[in-house]
Amino acid sequence: MVLTAKEKKLLIRILRKEKRRIFGLKENKKDVNLLLDKLEQSSRNEKVNEVKPSKL
């Protein structure tokens, strides 16, 4: 499944809220942190890998 940039931003926002929850399982928080890191890294990679047309 391929996620669009808009979907990734939405997931990152939801995971950040989940990360701040006071009550929750520690295993769940580890999973949330790992997934959040992956999505943030993926969005950073997209920004770096964008190809802009050059003026040749």
N, C-alpha and C. Protein backbone atom coordinates (compact mmCIF):
# COMPACT_ATOMS: atom_id res chain seq x y z
N MET A 1 0.84 -1.17 0.00
CA MET A 1 0.00 0.00 0.00
C MET A 1 0.89 1.24 0.00
N VAL A 2 0.61 2.14 -0.88
CA VAL A 2 1.38 3.38 -1.00
C VAL A 2 0.55 4.51 -0.41
N LEU A 3 1.19 5.28 0.47
CA LEU A 3 0.50 6.40 1.10
C LEU A 3 0.88 7.70 0.43
N THR A 4 -0.09 8.57 0.31
CA THR A 4 0.20 9.89 -0.24
C THR A 4 0.79 10.76 0.86
N ALA A 5 1.32 11.90 0.48
CA ALA A 5 1.93 12.82 1.46
C ALA A 5 0.87 13.30 2.46
N LYS A 6 -0.33 13.54 1.98
CA LYS A 6 -1.41 14.00 2.85
C LYS A 6 -1.76 12.93 3.89
N GLU A 7 -1.80 11.69 3.47
CA GLU A 7 -2.10 10.59 4.39
C GLU A 7 -0.99 10.41 5.42
N LYS A 8 0.26 10.57 4.98
CA LYS A 8 1.38 10.46 5.91
C LYS A 8 1.33 11.55 6.97
N LYS A 9 1.00 12.78 6.56
CA LYS A 9 0.90 13.88 7.51
C LYS A 9 -0.20 13.61 8.53
N LEU A 10 -1.31 13.07 8.07
CA LEU A 10 -2.42 12.74 8.97
C LEU A 10 -2.00 11.67 9.97
N LEU A 11 -1.33 10.63 9.50
CA LEU A 11 -0.86 9.57 10.39
C LEU A 11 0.16 10.08 11.40
N ILE A 12 1.05 10.95 10.97
CA ILE A 12 2.04 11.52 11.88
C ILE A 12 1.34 12.32 12.97
N ARG A 13 0.34 13.09 12.59
CA ARG A 13 -0.40 13.88 13.58
C ARG A 13 -1.11 12.99 14.59
N ILE A 14 -1.72 11.92 14.11
CA ILE A 14 -2.43 10.98 15.00
C ILE A 14 -1.44 10.26 15.92
N LEU A 15 -0.31 9.85 15.38
CA LEU A 15 0.68 9.15 16.20
C LEU A 15 1.30 10.06 17.26
N ARG A 16 1.46 11.33 16.95
CA ARG A 16 1.98 12.27 17.96
C ARG A 16 1.00 12.41 19.11
N LYS A 17 -0.31 12.44 18.80
CA LYS A 17 -1.32 12.51 19.85
C LYS A 17 -1.29 11.23 20.69
N GLU A 18 -1.15 10.11 20.02
CA GLU A 18 -1.11 8.82 20.72
C GLU A 18 0.13 8.74 21.61
N LYS A 19 1.22 9.31 21.17
CA LYS A 19 2.46 9.28 21.92
C LYS A 19 2.33 10.04 23.24
N ARG A 20 1.53 11.10 23.25
CA ARG A 20 1.37 11.94 24.43
C ARG A 20 0.33 11.40 25.41
N ARG A 21 -0.39 10.36 25.04
CA ARG A 21 -1.41 9.82 25.95
C ARG A 21 -0.77 9.36 27.25
N ILE A 22 -1.42 9.67 28.34
CA ILE A 22 -0.88 9.32 29.66
C ILE A 22 -1.06 7.84 29.93
N PHE A 23 -2.25 7.34 29.68
CA PHE A 23 -2.54 5.94 29.96
C PHE A 23 -2.37 5.12 28.69
N GLY A 24 -1.62 4.06 28.80
CA GLY A 24 -1.39 3.20 27.65
C GLY A 24 -0.31 2.20 27.97
N LEU A 25 -0.19 1.20 27.14
CA LEU A 25 0.82 0.17 27.35
C LEU A 25 2.19 0.66 26.89
N LYS A 26 3.22 0.26 27.61
CA LYS A 26 4.57 0.67 27.22
C LYS A 26 4.97 0.06 25.89
N GLU A 27 4.54 -1.19 25.65
CA GLU A 27 4.87 -1.82 24.36
C GLU A 27 4.22 -1.04 23.23
N ASN A 28 2.99 -0.59 23.48
CA ASN A 28 2.28 0.18 22.46
C ASN A 28 3.02 1.49 22.17
N LYS A 29 3.54 2.13 23.20
CA LYS A 29 4.25 3.40 23.00
C LYS A 29 5.52 3.19 22.20
N LYS A 30 6.20 2.07 22.42
CA LYS A 30 7.40 1.77 21.64
C LYS A 30 7.05 1.61 20.17
N ASP A 31 5.96 0.87 19.91
CA ASP A 31 5.52 0.67 18.53
C ASP A 31 5.13 1.99 17.89
N VAL A 32 4.43 2.83 18.64
CA VAL A 32 4.01 4.14 18.13
C VAL A 32 5.24 4.98 17.80
N ASN A 33 6.23 4.98 18.68
CA ASN A 33 7.45 5.75 18.44
C ASN A 33 8.19 5.25 17.20
N LEU A 34 8.28 3.94 17.04
CA LEU A 34 8.96 3.39 15.87
C LEU A 34 8.25 3.76 14.58
N LEU A 35 6.94 3.62 14.57
CA LEU A 35 6.17 3.95 13.37
C LEU A 35 6.24 5.44 13.08
N LEU A 36 6.19 6.26 14.12
CA LEU A 36 6.29 7.70 13.94
C LEU A 36 7.64 8.08 13.33
N ASP A 37 8.71 7.48 13.83
CA ASP A 37 10.04 7.74 13.28
C ASP A 37 10.13 7.34 11.81
N LYS A 38 9.55 6.20 11.47
CA LYS A 38 9.59 5.73 10.07
C LYS A 38 8.84 6.70 9.16
N LEU A 39 7.66 7.13 9.58
CA LEU A 39 6.87 8.03 8.74
C LEU A 39 7.55 9.39 8.59
N GLU A 40 8.12 9.91 9.68
CA GLU A 40 8.81 11.19 9.58
C GLU A 40 10.03 11.08 8.67
N GLN A 41 10.78 9.99 8.78
CA GLN A 41 11.94 9.80 7.91
C GLN A 41 11.51 9.67 6.46
N SER A 42 10.42 8.98 6.22
CA SER A 42 9.91 8.82 4.87
C SER A 42 9.52 10.16 4.26
N SER A 43 8.87 11.00 5.06
CA SER A 43 8.47 12.31 4.53
C SER A 43 9.70 13.19 4.29
N ARG A 44 10.72 13.08 5.14
CA ARG A 44 11.96 13.84 4.90
C ARG A 44 12.64 13.36 3.62
N ASN A 45 12.63 12.05 3.41
CA ASN A 45 13.25 11.50 2.20
C ASN A 45 12.54 11.97 0.95
N GLU A 46 11.22 12.07 1.01
CA GLU A 46 10.48 12.56 -0.15
C GLU A 46 10.88 13.98 -0.49
N LYS A 47 11.06 14.82 0.53
CA LYS A 47 11.44 16.21 0.28
C LYS A 47 12.82 16.29 -0.35
N VAL A 48 13.74 15.45 0.12
CA VAL A 48 15.11 15.47 -0.39
C VAL A 48 15.16 14.92 -1.81
N ASN A 49 14.37 13.91 -2.08
CA ASN A 49 14.44 13.23 -3.37
C ASN A 49 13.60 13.87 -4.46
N GLU A 50 12.91 14.97 -4.16
CA GLU A 50 12.12 15.63 -5.19
C GLU A 50 13.04 16.14 -6.29
N VAL A 51 12.66 15.90 -7.51
CA VAL A 51 13.45 16.34 -8.64
C VAL A 51 12.79 17.57 -9.23
N LYS A 52 13.54 18.65 -9.27
CA LYS A 52 13.03 19.89 -9.82
C LYS A 52 13.57 20.07 -11.23
N PRO A 53 12.74 20.50 -12.14
CA PRO A 53 13.25 20.70 -13.51
C PRO A 53 14.32 21.79 -13.54
N SER A 54 15.39 21.48 -14.23
CA SER A 54 16.50 22.44 -14.32
C SER A 54 16.34 23.28 -15.59
N LYS A 55 16.99 24.39 -15.58
CA LYS A 55 16.94 25.28 -16.74
C LYS A 55 18.16 24.99 -17.61
N LEU A 56 17.98 24.11 -18.57
CA LEU A 56 19.10 23.76 -19.46
C LEU A 56 19.06 24.53 -20.73
